[in-house]
Amino acid sequence: MISDEELHEIAREDEGSDVQFQTSIMAREILACRKAFSEPVVWIDPQVIINFQCGEEIKEWAWAKKIDDTDIPLYRKPTIPS
């Protein structure tokens, strides 16, 4: 896996060819996703999802989590810098 330091270096290299520019954009997106998913914003009890009006597939997933008696981490949406 490429390190965050390497991604930061690639993200700064946005001058030159189209490929280099697109690569720097991809590096920024990866860094934004890594940051957003590095720590949960909140943990939610699966029973809350089971009682919430949502699709059966989500309820089944939440019920499976409830069996393990673990809370579900929720993460914020990645913000991609321009």
Protein backbone atom coordinates (compact mmCIF):
# COMPACT_ATOMS: atom_id res chain seq x y z
CA MET A 1 0.00 0.00 0.00
CA ILE A 2 1.23 3.46 -0.83
CA SER A 3 1.95 5.58 2.26
CA ASP A 4 0.21 8.84 3.14
CA GLU A 5 3.52 10.65 2.75
CA GLU A 6 3.89 9.36 -0.80
CA LEU A 7 0.30 10.35 -1.58
CA HIS A 8 0.90 13.88 -0.25
CA GLU A 9 3.93 14.15 -2.51
CA ILE A 10 1.96 12.95 -5.55
CA ALA A 11 -0.94 15.29 -4.69
CA ARG A 12 1.41 18.28 -4.90
CA GLU A 13 2.65 17.31 -8.38
CA ASP A 14 -0.29 18.64 -10.38
CA GLU A 15 1.66 20.51 -13.05
CA GLY A 16 2.76 18.91 -16.28
CA SER A 17 0.96 16.29 -18.31
CA ASP A 18 -2.72 15.39 -18.07
CA VAL A 19 -1.76 12.04 -16.54
CA GLN A 20 0.28 13.76 -13.83
CA PHE A 21 -2.62 16.14 -13.07
CA GLN A 22 -5.13 13.26 -12.90
CA THR A 23 -2.78 11.28 -10.68
CA SER A 24 -2.55 14.19 -8.25
CA ILE A 25 -6.37 14.40 -8.13
CA MET A 26 -6.58 10.66 -7.40
CA ALA A 27 -4.01 11.01 -4.61
CA ARG A 28 -6.10 13.81 -3.03
CA GLU A 29 -9.22 11.67 -3.21
CA ILE A 30 -7.48 8.70 -1.58
CA LEU A 31 -6.13 10.94 1.21
CA ALA A 32 -9.61 12.41 1.80
CA CYS A 33 -11.14 8.93 2.02
CA ARG A 34 -8.43 7.68 4.37
CA LYS A 35 -8.98 10.69 6.63
CA ALA A 36 -12.78 10.37 6.62
CA PHE A 37 -12.74 6.66 7.36
CA SER A 38 -9.93 6.75 9.91
CA GLU A 39 -12.25 7.35 12.83
CA PRO A 40 -16.01 7.09 13.31
CA VAL A 41 -18.07 10.20 13.95
CA VAL A 42 -20.54 8.28 16.10
CA TRP A 43 -21.38 4.72 17.09
CA ILE A 44 -25.01 3.65 16.77
CA ASP A 45 -26.88 0.80 18.43
CA PRO A 46 -28.09 -1.68 15.76
CA GLN A 47 -31.52 -1.74 17.45
CA VAL A 48 -31.99 1.87 16.35
CA ILE A 49 -31.58 0.81 12.71
CA ILE A 50 -33.85 -2.19 13.18
CA ASN A 51 -36.61 0.10 14.53
CA PHE A 52 -36.02 2.72 11.83
CA GLN A 53 -38.06 2.50 8.64
CA CYS A 54 -35.55 1.28 6.10
CA GLY A 55 -35.11 -1.54 3.62
CA GLU A 56 -35.20 -5.16 4.71
CA GLU A 57 -31.61 -5.70 3.58
CA ILE A 58 -30.38 -2.98 5.97
CA LYS A 59 -32.53 -4.37 8.81
CA GLU A 60 -31.08 -7.85 8.27
CA TRP A 61 -27.56 -6.44 8.29
CA ALA A 62 -28.28 -4.52 11.51
CA TRP A 63 -29.82 -7.60 13.11
CA ALA A 64 -26.67 -9.58 12.32
CA LYS A 65 -24.65 -6.84 14.02
CA LYS A 66 -26.99 -6.96 17.03
CA ILE A 67 -26.33 -10.68 17.47
CA ASP A 68 -22.67 -9.82 17.93
CA ASP A 69 -23.81 -7.15 20.41
CA THR A 70 -21.61 -4.50 18.83
CA ASP A 71 -22.38 -0.95 17.92
CA ILE A 72 -22.06 0.17 14.32
CA PRO A 73 -19.56 2.92 13.48
CA LEU A 74 -20.79 5.74 11.24
CA TYR A 75 -18.29 7.81 9.28
CA ARG A 76 -18.49 11.26 7.73
CA LYS A 77 -18.54 11.72 3.98
CA PRO A 78 -15.07 12.40 2.58
CA THR A 79 -14.40 16.03 1.67
CA ILE A 80 -12.10 16.20 -1.33
CA PRO A 81 -9.97 19.34 -1.48
CA SER A 82 -9.67 21.11 -4.79
